[in-house]
Amino acid sequence: MLALVQGYNAGSVALYCVIGFVLVMVVLAVLVVILMLFGKGFGAIEKAATARKEARKNKKPKAAEATTEEATEGVSEEEVAAVTAALMAFYQTAQTDEETEPLPFIIRSIKKN
């Protein structure tokens, strides 16, 4: 018999090479599957975030539904304008020019203390 290394014959060396090659291929296949699952998972998360962003853009502000007569009984128009302007200025600083999301508030009533 042909001895490649002291104590091993050619058949056992070839067997170890084949087992090593198969093991490497199996591990690579498992890594590919794991990376594909991560890609699909992150794609689904990104798709959901995009859908939420689109839903926010398409959502109409409910502030137009409230009439000024209901919301401002007994309060002058100047006070309503001042409070509205202050809230708009506060929330406008958080928004960018690219995103035109509806403001997160609705003035339902203004009461004098």
PDB file of N, CA and C in Angstrom:
ATOM      1  N   MET A   1       0.822  -1.194   0.000  1.00  0.00           N
ATOM      2  CA  MET A   1       0.000   0.000   0.000  1.00  0.00           C
ATOM      3  C   MET A   1       0.868   1.261   0.000  1.00  0.00           C
ATOM      4  N   LEU A   2       0.238   2.299  -0.526  1.00  0.00           N
ATOM      5  CA  LEU A   2       0.935   3.569  -0.611  1.00  0.00           C
ATOM      6  C   LEU A   2       0.690   4.351   0.673  1.00  0.00           C
ATOM      7  N   ALA A   3       1.698   4.660   1.415  1.00  0.00           N
ATOM      8  CA  ALA A   3       1.554   5.403   2.676  1.00  0.00           C
ATOM      9  C   ALA A   3       1.940   6.857   2.432  1.00  0.00           C
ATOM     10  N   LEU A   4       0.957   7.766   2.593  1.00  0.00           N
ATOM     11  CA  LEU A   4       1.236   9.196   2.409  1.00  0.00           C
ATOM     12  C   LEU A   4       1.847   9.793   3.667  1.00  0.00           C
ATOM     13  N   VAL A   5       1.304   9.417   4.801  1.00  0.00           N
ATOM     14  CA  VAL A   5       1.813   9.896   6.078  1.00  0.00           C
ATOM     15  C   VAL A   5       2.024   8.662   6.934  1.00  0.00           C
ATOM     16  N   GLN A   6       2.986   8.727   7.799  1.00  0.00           N
ATOM     17  CA  GLN A   6       3.287   7.569   8.639  1.00  0.00           C
ATOM     18  C   GLN A   6       2.057   7.163   9.450  1.00  0.00           C
ATOM     19  N   GLY A   7       1.553   6.000   9.317  1.00  0.00           N
ATOM     20  CA  GLY A   7       0.432   5.492  10.073  1.00  0.00           C
ATOM     21  C   GLY A   7      -0.903   5.595   9.346  1.00  0.00           C
ATOM     22  N   TYR A   8      -0.975   6.278   8.228  1.00  0.00           N
ATOM     23  CA  TYR A   8      -2.221   6.408   7.467  1.00  0.00           C
ATOM     24  C   TYR A   8      -2.032   5.802   6.082  1.00  0.00           C
ATOM     25  N   ASN A   9      -3.075   5.188   5.579  1.00  0.00           N
ATOM     26  CA  ASN A   9      -2.988   4.697   4.212  1.00  0.00           C
ATOM     27  C   ASN A   9      -3.764   5.648   3.296  1.00  0.00           C
ATOM     28  N   ALA A  10      -3.666   5.487   2.025  1.00  0.00           N
ATOM     29  CA  ALA A  10      -4.271   6.400   1.046  1.00  0.00           C
ATOM     30  C   ALA A  10      -5.791   6.417   1.158  1.00  0.00           C
ATOM     31  N   GLY A  11      -6.411   5.307   1.479  1.00  0.00           N
ATOM     32  CA  GLY A  11      -7.866   5.253   1.591  1.00  0.00           C
ATOM     33  C   GLY A  11      -8.395   6.093   2.741  1.00  0.00           C
ATOM     34  N   SER A  12      -7.735   6.039   3.894  1.00  0.00           N
ATOM     35  CA  SER A  12      -8.204   6.840   5.033  1.00  0.00           C
ATOM     36  C   SER A  12      -7.947   8.329   4.817  1.00  0.00           C
ATOM     37  N   VAL A  13      -6.843   8.677   4.163  1.00  0.00           N
ATOM     38  CA  VAL A  13      -6.566  10.092   3.862  1.00  0.00           C
ATOM     39  C   VAL A  13      -7.613  10.628   2.891  1.00  0.00           C
ATOM     40  N   ALA A  14      -7.957   9.868   1.876  1.00  0.00           N
ATOM     41  CA  ALA A  14      -8.985  10.298   0.926  1.00  0.00           C
ATOM     42  C   ALA A  14     -10.337  10.438   1.614  1.00  0.00           C
ATOM     43  N   LEU A  15     -10.645   9.523   2.539  1.00  0.00           N
ATOM     44  CA  LEU A  15     -11.899   9.597   3.277  1.00  0.00           C
ATOM     45  C   LEU A  15     -11.967  10.870   4.122  1.00  0.00           C
ATOM     46  N   TYR A  16     -10.866  11.202   4.812  1.00  0.00           N
ATOM     47  CA  TYR A  16     -10.830  12.426   5.614  1.00  0.00           C
ATOM     48  C   TYR A  16     -10.966  13.674   4.738  1.00  0.00           C
ATOM     49  N   CYS A  17     -10.386  13.654   3.568  1.00  0.00           N
ATOM     50  CA  CYS A  17     -10.520  14.802   2.647  1.00  0.00           C
ATOM     51  C   CYS A  17     -11.969  14.966   2.192  1.00  0.00           C
ATOM     52  N   VAL A  18     -12.618  13.878   1.851  1.00  0.00           N
ATOM     53  CA  VAL A  18     -14.007  13.947   1.406  1.00  0.00           C
ATOM     54  C   VAL A  18     -14.915  14.404   2.544  1.00  0.00           C
ATOM     55  N   ILE A  19     -14.702  13.873   3.758  1.00  0.00           N
ATOM     56  CA  ILE A  19     -15.516  14.285   4.911  1.00  0.00           C
ATOM     57  C   ILE A  19     -15.320  15.775   5.197  1.00  0.00           C
ATOM     58  N   GLY A  20     -14.088  16.244   5.130  1.00  0.00           N
ATOM     59  CA  GLY A  20     -13.809  17.672   5.349  1.00  0.00           C
ATOM     60  C   GLY A  20     -14.483  18.552   4.312  1.00  0.00           C
ATOM     61  N   PHE A  21     -14.408  18.137   3.048  1.00  0.00           N
ATOM     62  CA  PHE A  21     -15.022  18.906   1.966  1.00  0.00           C
ATOM     63  C   PHE A  21     -16.539  18.969   2.135  1.00  0.00           C
ATOM     64  N   VAL A  22     -17.154  17.835   2.445  1.00  0.00           N
ATOM     65  CA  VAL A  22     -18.609  17.793   2.645  1.00  0.00           C
ATOM     66  C   VAL A  22     -19.005  18.644   3.838  1.00  0.00           C
ATOM     67  N   LEU A  23     -18.250  18.588   4.909  1.00  0.00           N
ATOM     68  CA  LEU A  23     -18.548  19.378   6.100  1.00  0.00           C
ATOM     69  C   LEU A  23     -18.479  20.870   5.803  1.00  0.00           C
ATOM     70  N   VAL A  24     -17.470  21.300   5.055  1.00  0.00           N
ATOM     71  CA  VAL A  24     -17.344  22.717   4.690  1.00  0.00           C
ATOM     72  C   VAL A  24     -18.528  23.151   3.826  1.00  0.00           C
ATOM     73  N   MET A  25     -18.929  22.328   2.879  1.00  0.00           N
ATOM     74  CA  MET A  25     -20.059  22.672   2.018  1.00  0.00           C
ATOM     75  C   MET A  25     -21.361  22.773   2.811  1.00  0.00           C
ATOM     76  N   VAL A  26     -21.572  21.871   3.764  1.00  0.00           N
ATOM     77  CA  VAL A  26     -22.787  21.896   4.587  1.00  0.00           C
ATOM     78  C   VAL A  26     -22.824  23.173   5.431  1.00  0.00           C
ATOM     79  N   VAL A  27     -21.710  23.540   6.036  1.00  0.00           N
ATOM     80  CA  VAL A  27     -21.663  24.757   6.855  1.00  0.00           C
ATOM     81  C   VAL A  27     -21.910  25.993   5.983  1.00  0.00           C
ATOM     82  N   LEU A  28     -21.341  26.026   4.800  1.00  0.00           N
ATOM     83  CA  LEU A  28     -21.585  27.151   3.893  1.00  0.00           C
ATOM     84  C   LEU A  28     -23.062  27.235   3.492  1.00  0.00           C
ATOM     85  N   ALA A  29     -23.677  26.100   3.236  1.00  0.00           N
ATOM     86  CA  ALA A  29     -25.103  26.093   2.879  1.00  0.00           C
ATOM     87  C   ALA A  29     -25.949  26.596   4.041  1.00  0.00           C
ATOM     88  N   VAL A  30     -25.609  26.197   5.265  1.00  0.00           N
ATOM     89  CA  VAL A  30     -26.351  26.675   6.439  1.00  0.00           C
ATOM     90  C   VAL A  30     -26.185  28.186   6.583  1.00  0.00           C
ATOM     91  N   LEU A  31     -24.989  28.704   6.386  1.00  0.00           N
ATOM     92  CA  LEU A  31     -24.763  30.158   6.464  1.00  0.00           C
ATOM     93  C   LEU A  31     -25.556  30.907   5.397  1.00  0.00           C
ATOM     94  N   VAL A  32     -25.616  30.371   4.199  1.00  0.00           N
ATOM     95  CA  VAL A  32     -26.386  31.010   3.124  1.00  0.00           C
ATOM     96  C   VAL A  32     -27.861  31.064   3.499  1.00  0.00           C
ATOM     97  N   VAL A  33     -28.398  29.988   4.045  1.00  0.00           N
ATOM     98  CA  VAL A  33     -29.807  29.956   4.446  1.00  0.00           C
ATOM     99  C   VAL A  33     -30.068  30.969   5.559  1.00  0.00           C
ATOM    100  N   ILE A  34     -29.180  31.035   6.535  1.00  0.00           N
ATOM    101  CA  ILE A  34     -29.347  31.998   7.634  1.00  0.00           C
ATOM    102  C   ILE A  34     -29.328  33.427   7.104  1.00  0.00           C
ATOM    103  N   LEU A  35     -28.403  33.739   6.218  1.00  0.00           N
ATOM    104  CA  LEU A  35     -28.330  35.097   5.659  1.00  0.00           C
ATOM    105  C   LEU A  35     -29.561  35.427   4.809  1.00  0.00           C
ATOM    106  N   MET A  36     -30.100  34.449   4.103  1.00  0.00           N
ATOM    107  CA  MET A  36     -31.322  34.686   3.322  1.00  0.00           C
ATOM    108  C   MET A  36     -32.494  34.981   4.251  1.00  0.00           C
ATOM    109  N   LEU A  37     -32.574  34.253   5.368  1.00  0.00           N
ATOM    110  CA  LEU A  37     -33.658  34.505   6.330  1.00  0.00           C
ATOM    111  C   LEU A  37     -33.529  35.885   6.953  1.00  0.00           C
ATOM    112  N   PHE A  38     -32.298  36.302   7.281  1.00  0.00           N
ATOM    113  CA  PHE A  38     -32.096  37.652   7.798  1.00  0.00           C
ATOM    114  C   PHE A  38     -32.525  38.696   6.771  1.00  0.00           C
ATOM    115  N   GLY A  39     -32.177  38.481   5.505  1.00  0.00           N
ATOM    116  CA  GLY A  39     -32.552  39.425   4.454  1.00  0.00           C
ATOM    117  C   GLY A  39     -34.064  39.550   4.326  1.00  0.00           C
ATOM    118  N   LYS A  40     -34.767  38.428   4.376  1.00  0.00           N
ATOM    119  CA  LYS A  40     -36.229  38.470   4.283  1.00  0.00           C
ATOM    120  C   LYS A  40     -36.829  39.143   5.505  1.00  0.00           C
ATOM    121  N   GLY A  41     -36.276  38.884   6.673  1.00  0.00           N
ATOM    122  CA  GLY A  41     -36.779  39.498   7.904  1.00  0.00           C
ATOM    123  C   GLY A  41     -36.603  41.004   7.892  1.00  0.00           C
ATOM    124  N   PHE A  42     -35.405  41.473   7.530  1.00  0.00           N
ATOM    125  CA  PHE A  42     -35.167  42.911   7.489  1.00  0.00           C
ATOM    126  C   PHE A  42     -35.951  43.567   6.360  1.00  0.00           C
ATOM    127  N   GLY A  43     -36.171  42.847   5.271  1.00  0.00           N
ATOM    128  CA  GLY A  43     -36.992  43.382   4.181  1.00  0.00           C
ATOM    129  C   GLY A  43     -38.430  43.588   4.624  1.00  0.00           C
ATOM    130  N   ALA A  44     -38.944  42.642   5.409  1.00  0.00           N
ATOM    131  CA  ALA A  44     -40.314  42.765   5.913  1.00  0.00           C
ATOM    132  C   ALA A  44     -40.426  43.932   6.894  1.00  0.00           C
ATOM    133  N   ILE A  45     -39.417  44.109   7.725  1.00  0.00           N
ATOM    134  CA  ILE A  45     -39.433  45.234   8.674  1.00  0.00           C
ATOM    135  C   ILE A  45     -39.387  46.556   7.918  1.00  0.00           C
ATOM    136  N   GLU A  46     -38.550  46.636   6.896  1.00  0.00           N
ATOM    137  CA  GLU A  46     -38.448  47.870   6.111  1.00  0.00           C
ATOM    138  C   GLU A  46     -39.751  48.150   5.362  1.00  0.00           C
ATOM    139  N   LYS A  47     -40.374  47.100   4.845  1.00  0.00           N
ATOM    140  CA  LYS A  47     -41.640  47.259   4.128  1.00  0.00           C
ATOM    141  C   LYS A  47     -42.734  47.769   5.077  1.00  0.00           C
ATOM    142  N   ALA A  48     -42.769  47.241   6.296  1.00  0.00           N
ATOM    143  CA  ALA A  48     -43.759  47.683   7.279  1.00  0.00           C
ATOM    144  C   ALA A  48     -43.521  49.138   7.669  1.00  0.00           C
ATOM    145  N   ALA A  49     -42.266  49.530   7.817  1.00  0.00           N
ATOM    146  CA  ALA A  49     -41.951  50.914   8.163  1.00  0.00           C
ATOM    147  C   ALA A  49     -42.357  51.856   7.026  1.00  0.00           C
ATOM    148  N   THR A  50     -42.124  51.439   5.804  1.00  0.00           N
ATOM    149  CA  THR A  50     -42.522  52.260   4.658  1.00  0.00           C
ATOM    150  C   THR A  50     -44.037  52.384   4.580  1.00  0.00           C
ATOM    151  N   ALA A  51     -44.741  51.288   4.854  1.00  0.00           N
ATOM    152  CA  ALA A  51     -46.206  51.332   4.828  1.00  0.00           C
ATOM    153  C   ALA A  51     -46.741  52.260   5.915  1.00  0.00           C
ATOM    154  N   ARG A  52     -46.121  52.214   7.115  1.00  0.00           N
ATOM    155  CA  ARG A  52     -46.554  53.118   8.188  1.00  0.00           C
ATOM    156  C   ARG A  52     -46.302  54.574   7.816  1.00  0.00           C
ATOM    157  N   LYS A  53     -45.162  54.830   7.183  1.00  0.00           N
ATOM    158  CA  LYS A  53     -44.831  56.203   6.786  1.00  0.00           C
ATOM    159  C   LYS A  53     -45.826  56.711   5.742  1.00  0.00           C
ATOM    160  N   GLU A  54     -46.177  55.858   4.776  1.00  0.00           N
ATOM    161  CA  GLU A  54     -47.165  56.230   3.766  1.00  0.00           C
ATOM    162  C   GLU A  54     -48.537  56.456   4.392  1.00  0.00           C
ATOM    163  N   ALA A  55     -48.893  55.631   5.363  1.00  0.00           N
ATOM    164  CA  ALA A  55     -50.188  55.787   6.029  1.00  0.00           C
ATOM    165  C   ALA A  55     -50.242  57.110   6.785  1.00  0.00           C
ATOM    166  N   ARG A  56     -49.122  57.504   7.378  1.00  0.00           N
ATOM    167  CA  ARG A  56     -49.082  58.798   8.076  1.00  0.00           C
ATOM    168  C   ARG A  56     -49.218  59.954   7.095  1.00  0.00           C
ATOM    169  N   LYS A  57     -48.585  59.804   5.923  1.00  0.00           N
ATOM    170  CA  LYS A  57     -48.670  60.885   4.933  1.00  0.00           C
ATOM    171  C   LYS A  57     -50.086  61.019   4.394  1.00  0.00           C
ATOM    172  N   ASN A  58     -50.772  59.894   4.213  1.00  0.00           N
ATOM    173  CA  ASN A  58     -52.113  59.923   3.650  1.00  0.00           C
ATOM    174  C   ASN A  58     -53.185  60.239   4.681  1.00  0.00           C
ATOM    175  N   LYS A  59     -52.836  60.185   5.944  1.00  0.00           N
ATOM    176  CA  LYS A  59     -53.812  60.453   7.000  1.00  0.00           C
ATOM    177  C   LYS A  59     -54.136  61.938   7.030  1.00  0.00           C
ATOM    178  N   LYS A  60     -55.405  62.232   6.997  1.00  0.00           N
ATOM    179  CA  LYS A  60     -55.814  63.631   6.998  1.00  0.00           C
ATOM    180  C   LYS A  60     -55.871  64.129   8.436  1.00  0.00           C
ATOM    181  N   PRO A  61     -55.438  65.352   8.678  1.00  0.00           N
ATOM    182  CA  PRO A  61     -55.486  65.878  10.045  1.00  0.00           C
ATOM    183  C   PRO A  61     -56.932  66.068  10.499  1.00  0.00           C
ATOM    184  N   LYS A  62     -57.181  65.702  11.744  1.00  0.00           N
ATOM    185  CA  LYS A  62     -58.522  65.821  12.282  1.00  0.00           C
ATOM    186  C   LYS A  62     -58.801  67.219  12.821  1.00  0.00           C
ATOM    187  N   ALA A  63     -57.815  68.085  12.796  1.00  0.00           N
ATOM    188  CA  ALA A  63     -57.994  69.435  13.322  1.00  0.00           C
ATOM    189  C   ALA A  63     -59.040  70.197  12.516  1.00  0.00           C
ATOM    190  N   ALA A  64     -59.172  69.867  11.241  1.00  0.00           N
ATOM    191  CA  ALA A  64     -60.142  70.566  10.404  1.00  0.00           C
ATOM    192  C   ALA A  64     -61.573  70.177  10.773  1.00  0.00           C
ATOM    193  N   GLU A  65     -61.746  69.031  11.410  1.00  0.00           N
ATOM    194  CA  GLU A  65     -63.079  68.575  11.772  1.00  0.00           C
ATOM    195  C   GLU A  65     -63.677  69.391  12.916  1.00  0.00           C
ATOM    196  N   ALA A  66     -62.851  69.799  13.840  1.00  0.00           N
ATOM    197  CA  ALA A  66     -63.357  70.565  14.981  1.00  0.00           C
ATOM    198  C   ALA A  66     -63.650  71.994  14.529  1.00  0.00           C
ATOM    199  N   THR A  67     -64.818  72.445  14.819  1.00  0.00           N
ATOM    200  CA  THR A  67     -65.168  73.813  14.435  1.00  0.00           C
ATOM    201  C   THR A  67     -64.679  74.766  15.509  1.00  0.00           C
ATOM    202  N   THR A  68     -64.410  75.991  15.100  1.00  0.00           N
ATOM    203  CA  THR A  68     -63.895  76.959  16.055  1.00  0.00           C
ATOM    204  C   THR A  68     -64.956  77.360  17.067  1.00  0.00           C
ATOM    205  N   GLU A  69     -66.204  77.262  16.689  1.00  0.00           N
ATOM    206  CA  GLU A  69     -67.266  77.629  17.623  1.00  0.00           C
ATOM    207  C   GLU A  69     -67.358  76.633  18.778  1.00  0.00           C
ATOM    208  N   GLU A  70     -67.179  75.344  18.491  1.00  0.00           N
ATOM    209  CA  GLU A  70     -67.228  74.337  19.543  1.00  0.00           C
ATOM    210  C   GLU A  70     -66.008  74.423  20.446  1.00  0.00           C
ATOM    211  N   ALA A  71     -64.852  74.661  19.865  1.00  0.00           N
ATOM    212  CA  ALA A  71     -63.613  74.608  20.618  1.00  0.00           C
ATOM    213  C   ALA A  71     -63.339  75.867  21.415  1.00  0.00           C
ATOM    214  N   THR A  72     -63.920  76.975  21.056  1.00  0.00           N
ATOM    215  CA  THR A  72     -63.528  78.250  21.662  1.00  0.00           C
ATOM    216  C   THR A  72     -64.702  79.011  22.245  1.00  0.00           C
ATOM    217  N   GLU A  73     -65.547  78.371  22.995  1.00  0.00           N
ATOM    218  CA  GLU A  73     -66.661  79.088  23.606  1.00  0.00           C
ATOM    219  C   GLU A  73     -66.134  80.008  24.697  1.00  0.00           C
ATOM    220  N   GLY A  74     -66.405  81.285  24.607  1.00  0.00           N
ATOM    221  CA  GLY A  74     -66.022  82.250  25.623  1.00  0.00           C
ATOM    222  C   GLY A  74     -64.578  82.693  25.554  1.00  0.00           C
ATOM    223  N   VAL A  75     -63.843  82.349  24.501  1.00  0.00           N
ATOM    224  CA  VAL A  75     -62.448  82.751  24.370  1.00  0.00           C
ATOM    225  C   VAL A  75     -62.335  83.587  23.112  1.00  0.00           C
ATOM    226  N   SER A  76     -61.550  84.670  23.218  1.00  0.00           N
ATOM    227  CA  SER A  76     -61.423  85.571  22.063  1.00  0.00           C
ATOM    228  C   SER A  76     -60.606  84.903  20.953  1.00  0.00           C
ATOM    229  N   GLU A  77     -60.796  85.398  19.749  1.00  0.00           N
ATOM    230  CA  GLU A  77     -60.094  84.833  18.593  1.00  0.00           C
ATOM    231  C   GLU A  77     -58.593  85.078  18.673  1.00  0.00           C
ATOM    232  N   GLU A  78     -58.180  86.177  19.311  1.00  0.00           N
ATOM    233  CA  GLU A  78     -56.749  86.465  19.443  1.00  0.00           C
ATOM    234  C   GLU A  78     -56.063  85.421  20.325  1.00  0.00           C
ATOM    235  N   GLU A  79     -56.753  85.000  21.393  1.00  0.00           N
ATOM    236  CA  GLU A  79     -56.171  83.997  22.272  1.00  0.00           C
ATOM    237  C   GLU A  79     -56.062  82.643  21.558  1.00  0.00           C
ATOM    238  N   VAL A  80     -57.069  82.306  20.793  1.00  0.00           N
ATOM    239  CA  VAL A  80     -57.031  81.061  20.031  1.00  0.00           C
ATOM    240  C   VAL A  80     -55.885  81.100  19.022  1.00  0.00           C
ATOM    241  N   ALA A  81     -55.724  82.215  18.348  1.00  0.00           N
ATOM    242  CA  ALA A  81     -54.652  82.361  17.365  1.00  0.00           C
ATOM    243  C   ALA A  81     -53.284  82.268  18.037  1.00  0.00           C
ATOM    244  N   ALA A  82     -53.139  82.850  19.215  1.00  0.00           N
ATOM    245  CA  ALA A  82     -51.849  82.816  19.917  1.00  0.00           C
ATOM    246  C   ALA A  82     -51.498  81.398  20.352  1.00  0.00           C
ATOM    247  N   VAL A  83     -52.461  80.685  20.905  1.00  0.00           N
ATOM    248  CA  VAL A  83     -52.201  79.312  21.341  1.00  0.00           C
ATOM    249  C   VAL A  83     -51.894  78.419  20.140  1.00  0.00           C
ATOM    250  N   THR A  84     -52.654  78.569  19.083  1.00  0.00           N
ATOM    251  CA  THR A  84     -52.423  77.764  17.878  1.00  0.00           C
ATOM    252  C   THR A  84     -51.052  78.062  17.278  1.00  0.00           C
ATOM    253  N   ALA A  85     -50.679  79.327  17.213  1.00  0.00           N
ATOM    254  CA  ALA A  85     -49.370  79.699  16.662  1.00  0.00           C
ATOM    255  C   ALA A  85     -48.234  79.144  17.514  1.00  0.00           C
ATOM    256  N   ALA A  86     -48.404  79.178  18.845  1.00  0.00           N
ATOM    257  CA  ALA A  86     -47.359  78.639  19.720  1.00  0.00           C
ATOM    258  C   ALA A  86     -47.199  77.129  19.516  1.00  0.00           C
ATOM    259  N   LEU A  87     -48.309  76.422  19.423  1.00  0.00           N
ATOM    260  CA  LEU A  87     -48.235  74.972  19.201  1.00  0.00           C
ATOM    261  C   LEU A  87     -47.647  74.650  17.835  1.00  0.00           C
ATOM    262  N   MET A  88     -48.051  75.396  16.816  1.00  0.00           N
ATOM    263  CA  MET A  88     -47.514  75.167  15.469  1.00  0.00           C
ATOM    264  C   MET A  88     -46.007  75.417  15.449  1.00  0.00           C
ATOM    265  N   ALA A  89     -45.536  76.478  16.099  1.00  0.00           N
ATOM    266  CA  ALA A  89     -44.108  76.791  16.116  1.00  0.00           C
ATOM    267  C   ALA A  89     -43.333  75.695  16.844  1.00  0.00           C
ATOM    268  N   PHE A  90     -43.898  75.196  17.936  1.00  0.00           N
ATOM    269  CA  PHE A  90     -43.225  74.133  18.691  1.00  0.00           C
ATOM    270  C   PHE A  90     -43.100  72.864  17.867  1.00  0.00           C
ATOM    271  N   TYR A  91     -44.158  72.440  17.239  1.00  0.00           N
ATOM    272  CA  TYR A  91     -44.125  71.189  16.483  1.00  0.00           C
ATOM    273  C   TYR A  91     -43.469  71.344  15.119  1.00  0.00           C
ATOM    274  N   GLN A  92     -43.413  72.533  14.576  1.00  0.00           N
ATOM    275  CA  GLN A  92     -42.803  72.752  13.267  1.00  0.00           C
ATOM    276  C   GLN A  92     -41.292  72.581  13.350  1.00  0.00           C
ATOM    277  N   THR A  93     -40.673  72.856  14.493  1.00  0.00           N
ATOM    278  CA  THR A  93     -39.225  72.710  14.609  1.00  0.00           C
ATOM    279  C   THR A  93     -38.806  71.250  14.540  1.00  0.00           C
ATOM    280  N   ALA A  94     -39.677  70.330  14.894  1.00  0.00           N
ATOM    281  CA  ALA A  94     -39.346  68.900  14.862  1.00  0.00           C
ATOM    282  C   ALA A  94     -39.499  68.303  13.475  1.00  0.00           C
ATOM    283  N   GLN A  95     -40.186  68.978  12.576  1.00  0.00           N
ATOM    284  CA  GLN A  95     -40.421  68.435  11.232  1.00  0.00           C
ATOM    285  C   GLN A  95     -39.400  68.992  10.252  1.00  0.00           C
ATOM    286  N   THR A  96     -39.108  68.199   9.232  1.00  0.00           N
ATOM    287  CA  THR A  96     -38.215  68.656   8.170  1.00  0.00           C
ATOM    288  C   THR A  96     -39.057  69.068   6.965  1.00  0.00           C
ATOM    289  N   ASP A  97     -38.403  69.641   5.992  1.00  0.00           N
ATOM    290  CA  ASP A  97     -39.117  70.062   4.789  1.00  0.00           C
ATOM    291  C   ASP A  97     -39.565  68.858   3.959  1.00  0.00           C
ATOM    292  N   GLU A  98     -38.814  67.754   4.024  1.00  0.00           N
ATOM    293  CA  GLU A  98     -39.136  66.579   3.219  1.00  0.00           C
ATOM    294  C   GLU A  98     -40.358  65.849   3.735  1.00  0.00           C
ATOM    295  N   GLU A  99     -40.523  65.827   5.046  1.00  0.00           N
ATOM    296  CA  GLU A  99     -41.643  65.103   5.642  1.00  0.00           C
ATOM    297  C   GLU A  99     -42.741  66.095   5.997  1.00  0.00           C
ATOM    298  N   THR A 100     -43.894  65.908   5.422  1.00  0.00           N
ATOM    299  CA  THR A 100     -45.026  66.774   5.741  1.00  0.00           C
ATOM    300  C   THR A 100     -46.086  65.931   6.437  1.00  0.00           C
ATOM    301  N   GLU A 101     -45.768  65.533   7.657  1.00  0.00           N
ATOM    302  CA  GLU A 101     -46.696  64.736   8.442  1.00  0.00           C
ATOM    303  C   GLU A 101     -47.712  65.664   9.089  1.00  0.00           C
ATOM    304  N   PRO A 102     -48.909  65.172   9.342  1.00  0.00           N
ATOM    305  CA  PRO A 102     -49.883  66.002  10.056  1.00  0.00           C
ATOM    306  C   PRO A 102     -49.415  66.238  11.480  1.00  0.00           C
ATOM    307  N   LEU A 103     -49.795  67.362  12.014  1.00  0.00           N
ATOM    308  CA  LEU A 103     -49.376  67.694  13.368  1.00  0.00           C
ATOM    309  C   LEU A 103     -50.038  66.750  14.367  1.00  0.00           C
ATOM    310  N   PRO A 104     -49.333  66.408  15.428  1.00  0.00           N
ATOM    311  CA  PRO A 104     -49.846  65.386  16.351  1.00  0.00           C
ATOM    312  C   PRO A 104     -50.797  65.930  17.408  1.00  0.00           C
ATOM    313  N   PHE A 105     -51.433  67.051  17.152  1.00  0.00           N
ATOM    314  CA  PHE A 105     -52.352  67.581  18.160  1.00  0.00           C
ATOM    315  C   PHE A 105     -53.616  68.109  17.489  1.00  0.00           C
ATOM    316  N   ILE A 106     -54.668  68.195  18.301  1.00  0.00           N
ATOM    317  CA  ILE A 106     -55.931  68.778  17.879  1.00  0.00           C
ATOM    318  C   ILE A 106     -56.384  69.682  19.018  1.00  0.00           C
ATOM    319  N   ILE A 107     -56.673  70.913  18.707  1.00  0.00           N
ATOM    320  CA  ILE A 107     -57.159  71.840  19.722  1.00  0.00           C
ATOM    321  C   ILE A 107     -58.662  71.606  19.853  1.00  0.00           C
ATOM    322  N   ARG A 108     -59.051  70.996  20.954  1.00  0.00           N
ATOM    323  CA  ARG A 108     -60.465  70.713  21.184  1.00  0.00           C
ATOM    324  C   ARG A 108     -61.135  71.830  21.985  1.00  0.00           C
ATOM    325  N   SER A 109     -60.410  72.385  22.933  1.00  0.00           N
ATOM    326  CA  SER A 109     -60.999  73.477  23.721  1.00  0.00           C
ATOM    327  C   SER A 109     -59.892  74.290  24.363  1.00  0.00           C
ATOM    328  N   ILE A 110     -60.199  75.538  24.587  1.00  0.00           N
ATOM    329  CA  ILE A 110     -59.307  76.458  25.297  1.00  0.00           C
ATOM    330  C   ILE A 110     -60.148  77.066  26.410  1.00  0.00           C
ATOM    331  N   LYS A 111     -59.689  76.909  27.650  1.00  0.00           N
ATOM    332  CA  LYS A 111     -60.438  77.413  28.797  1.00  0.00           C
ATOM    333  C   LYS A 111     -59.643  78.485  29.518  1.00  0.00           C
ATOM    334  N   LYS A 112     -60.318  79.519  29.956  1.00  0.00           N
ATOM    335  CA  LYS A 112     -59.689  80.541  30.786  1.00  0.00           C
ATOM    336  C   LYS A 112     -59.728  80.096  32.228  1.00  0.00           C
ATOM    337  N   ASN A 113     -58.655  80.378  32.936  1.00  0.00           N
ATOM    338  CA  ASN A 113     -58.640  80.056  34.378  1.00  0.00           C
ATOM    339  C   ASN A 113     -58.870  81.290  35.200  1.00  0.00           C
TER     340      ASN A 113
END
